[in-house]
């Protein structure tokens, strides 16, 4: 029996959902900054440190997703007997992406103490 959802459809859906999430995140951040400017509460020092930590988070997230795809590819090559390739890629990408976000929290906390 042929499967209904393939790897291409899962990755396309993941890319679309990620794009929409990033768009709304940036839109909300822009609206928040505009409200702070209107109330004269914008502190330039805080915004620069937050954006640098945001760069660390996004960078580590991308590394985690890439590592998850690489480990899923290796897992698929080793375990060819079972038919789990549709669940392997998203599972490893989410696991390593979440792990990298947890690590980025500790890195940002260590940098803020300096």
Protein backbone atom coordinates (compact mmCIF):
# COMPACT_ATOMS: atom_id res chain seq x y z
CA UNK A 1 0.00 0.00 0.00
CA UNK A 2 1.30 3.40 -0.92
CA UNK A 3 1.61 5.98 1.83
CA UNK A 4 -0.52 9.12 1.70
CA UNK A 5 2.05 11.62 2.95
CA UNK A 6 5.62 11.52 1.73
CA UNK A 7 8.80 13.12 2.98
CA UNK A 8 8.48 16.00 0.51
CA UNK A 9 5.04 16.93 1.78
CA UNK A 10 6.20 16.83 5.41
CA UNK A 11 9.21 19.05 4.70
CA UNK A 12 7.09 21.48 2.65
CA UNK A 13 4.58 21.73 5.50
CA UNK A 14 7.39 22.26 8.01
CA UNK A 15 8.86 25.06 5.89
CA UNK A 16 5.48 26.77 5.48
CA UNK A 17 4.66 26.58 9.19
CA UNK A 18 8.13 27.86 10.09
CA UNK A 19 7.80 30.77 7.66
CA UNK A 20 4.39 31.80 9.03
CA UNK A 21 5.68 31.54 12.61
CA UNK A 22 8.73 33.68 11.87
CA UNK A 23 6.56 36.26 10.09
CA UNK A 24 4.17 36.64 13.03
CA UNK A 25 7.08 36.72 15.48
CA UNK A 26 8.71 39.61 13.64
CA UNK A 27 5.37 41.40 13.24
CA UNK A 28 4.66 41.17 16.97
CA UNK A 29 8.17 42.34 17.80
CA UNK A 30 7.77 45.32 15.47
CA UNK A 31 4.43 46.28 17.03
CA UNK A 32 5.92 46.02 20.51
CA UNK A 33 8.84 48.26 19.58
CA UNK A 34 6.49 50.81 18.01
CA UNK A 35 4.43 50.89 21.20
CA UNK A 36 7.61 51.41 23.24
CA UNK A 37 8.67 54.27 20.97
CA UNK A 38 5.27 55.93 21.37
CA UNK A 39 5.57 55.74 25.17
CA UNK A 40 9.28 56.75 25.16
CA UNK A 41 10.23 53.51 26.91
CA UNK A 42 12.65 52.20 24.31
CA UNK A 43 16.06 51.40 25.77
CA UNK A 44 18.66 50.93 23.02
CA UNK A 45 21.05 48.92 25.22
CA UNK A 46 18.43 46.27 26.01
CA UNK A 47 17.34 45.88 22.40
CA UNK A 48 20.88 45.29 21.17
CA UNK A 49 21.57 42.56 23.74
CA UNK A 50 18.23 40.88 23.07
CA UNK A 51 18.90 40.80 19.34
CA UNK A 52 22.36 39.32 19.88
CA UNK A 53 20.90 36.54 22.00
CA UNK A 54 18.21 36.04 19.38
CA UNK A 55 20.93 35.51 16.80
CA UNK A 56 22.51 32.89 19.04
CA UNK A 57 19.16 31.13 19.44
CA UNK A 58 18.42 31.08 15.70
CA UNK A 59 21.96 29.98 14.89
CA UNK A 60 21.89 27.13 17.38
CA UNK A 61 18.39 26.15 16.21
CA UNK A 62 19.61 25.88 12.61
CA UNK A 63 22.61 23.83 13.74
CA UNK A 64 20.28 21.55 15.71
CA UNK A 65 17.93 21.08 12.76
CA UNK A 66 20.83 20.30 10.45
CA UNK A 67 22.27 17.86 12.95
CA UNK A 68 18.83 16.24 13.28
CA UNK A 69 18.56 15.80 9.51
CA UNK A 70 22.07 14.32 9.38
CA UNK A 71 21.39 11.86 12.22
CA UNK A 72 18.05 10.87 10.62
CA UNK A 73 19.84 10.23 7.33
CA UNK A 74 22.41 8.04 9.11
CA UNK A 75 19.63 6.24 11.01
CA UNK A 76 17.78 5.59 7.75
CA UNK A 77 20.92 4.13 6.14
CA UNK A 78 21.64 1.85 9.12
CA UNK A 79 18.06 0.68 9.74
CA UNK A 80 16.79 -0.16 6.25
CA UNK A 81 14.65 -3.08 7.42
CA UNK A 82 11.88 -1.00 8.96
CA UNK A 83 9.68 1.47 7.10
CA UNK A 84 9.97 4.45 9.47
CA UNK A 85 11.59 7.06 7.23
CA UNK A 86 8.51 9.32 7.35
CA UNK A 87 8.67 9.62 11.12
CA UNK A 88 12.44 9.61 11.46
CA UNK A 89 13.26 12.98 9.88
CA UNK A 90 10.70 15.13 11.75
CA UNK A 91 11.37 13.31 15.04
CA UNK A 92 15.13 13.82 14.93
CA UNK A 93 14.79 17.40 13.67
CA UNK A 94 12.41 18.33 16.49
CA UNK A 95 14.52 16.55 19.10
CA UNK A 96 17.81 18.16 18.11
CA UNK A 97 16.13 21.53 17.47
CA UNK A 98 14.67 21.51 20.99
CA UNK A 99 17.96 20.37 22.46
CA UNK A 100 19.78 23.22 20.72
CA UNK A 101 17.26 25.77 22.08
CA UNK A 102 17.85 24.46 25.60
CA UNK A 103 21.60 24.79 25.08
CA UNK A 104 21.17 28.31 23.67
CA UNK A 105 19.35 29.29 26.87
CA UNK A 106 22.38 28.28 28.94
CA UNK A 107 24.78 30.03 26.54
CA UNK A 108 22.74 33.26 26.66
CA UNK A 109 22.53 33.07 30.44
CA UNK A 110 26.29 32.62 30.70
CA UNK A 111 26.89 35.57 28.35
CA UNK A 112 24.50 37.82 30.28
CA UNK A 113 26.43 37.19 33.50
CA UNK A 114 29.57 38.66 31.95
